[in-house]
Protein backbone atom coordinates (compact mmCIF):
# COMPACT_ATOMS: atom_id res chain seq x y z
CA UNK A 1 15.99 13.78 -9.74
CA UNK A 2 12.28 12.32 -8.67
CA UNK A 3 11.37 10.95 -4.97
CA UNK A 4 9.65 7.93 -4.45
CA UNK A 5 8.10 5.38 -2.52
CA UNK A 6 10.15 1.82 -2.56
CA UNK A 7 7.51 -0.76 -0.82
CA UNK A 8 8.11 -4.65 -1.01
CA UNK A 9 4.94 -6.59 -1.59
CA UNK A 10 3.35 -8.68 0.72
CA UNK A 11 0.87 -11.26 -0.33
CA UNK A 12 -2.41 -11.76 2.36
CA UNK A 13 -4.94 -14.02 2.23
CA UNK A 14 -8.23 -13.50 3.26
CA UNK A 15 -11.44 -15.07 2.95
CA UNK A 16 -9.35 -17.51 -0.16
CA UNK A 17 -8.39 -14.54 -1.89
CA UNK A 18 -4.90 -13.16 -2.23
CA UNK A 19 -4.56 -9.40 -2.26
CA UNK A 20 -1.42 -7.88 -2.71
CA UNK A 21 -0.60 -5.05 -0.30
CA UNK A 22 2.74 -3.58 1.40
CA UNK A 23 3.59 -3.35 5.29
CA UNK A 24 6.61 -0.74 5.08
CA UNK A 25 8.00 1.83 2.23
CA UNK A 26 10.89 3.52 2.22
CA UNK A 27 11.53 7.18 0.55
CA UNK A 28 13.94 7.21 -1.93
CA UNK A 29 15.65 9.31 -4.76
CA UNK A 30 15.43 8.42 -8.55
CA UNK A 31 17.74 9.89 -10.94
CA UNK A 32 17.46 9.04 -14.67
CA UNK A 33 20.47 8.62 -17.18
CA UNK A 34 20.55 8.37 -20.76
CA UNK A 35 20.91 4.56 -21.25
CA UNK A 36 17.26 3.74 -19.67
CA UNK A 37 18.97 2.94 -16.51
CA UNK A 38 17.52 4.19 -13.17
CA UNK A 39 20.02 4.62 -10.28
CA UNK A 40 17.98 4.74 -7.17
CA UNK A 41 19.37 5.79 -3.60
CA UNK A 42 17.44 5.36 -0.43
CA UNK A 43 16.98 8.43 1.59
CA UNK A 44 18.19 8.17 5.16
CA UNK A 45 14.62 9.02 6.98
CA UNK A 46 12.30 6.62 8.80
CA UNK A 47 10.18 3.91 7.08
CA UNK A 48 6.53 5.05 6.29
CA UNK A 49 4.34 1.95 7.97
CA UNK A 50 1.36 0.77 6.55
CA UNK A 51 -1.64 -0.85 8.42
CA UNK A 52 -3.26 -2.65 6.03
CA UNK A 53 -5.68 -4.68 8.23
CA UNK A 54 -7.20 -1.75 10.01
CA UNK A 55 -7.92 -0.55 6.49
CA UNK A 56 -9.38 -3.27 5.46
CA UNK A 57 -11.57 -3.66 8.89
CA UNK A 58 -13.31 -0.19 8.44
CA UNK A 59 -14.09 -0.80 5.07
CA UNK A 60 -15.98 -4.34 5.95
CA UNK A 61 -17.89 -2.30 8.51
CA UNK A 62 -19.20 0.51 6.32
CA UNK A 63 -19.84 -1.87 3.87
CA UNK A 64 -22.25 -3.83 6.04
CA UNK A 65 -23.71 -1.02 7.43
CA UNK A 66 -24.57 0.28 3.61
CA UNK A 67 -26.25 -3.47 2.89
CA UNK A 68 -28.47 -3.19 6.22
CA UNK A 69 -29.52 0.41 5.48
CA UNK A 70 -30.59 -0.57 2.03
CA UNK A 71 -32.20 -3.83 2.50
CA UNK A 72 -34.41 -2.87 5.44
CA UNK A 73 -35.69 0.53 5.03
């Protein structure tokens, strides 16, 4: 048995560029078999929430600071 995150993809279009991300993931147990078919069991646990927009904003802020420092020093 292995533990995996099962996350349905979400497509976000920012600045005319599509980005694939996730909003919510679930913890699951996966069991291998002999015929290349895997059994996945969603575990009774709270979902894992992903806050994509906040992460992107932080990266944009950091890149702008780096741009300003490199061009005006």
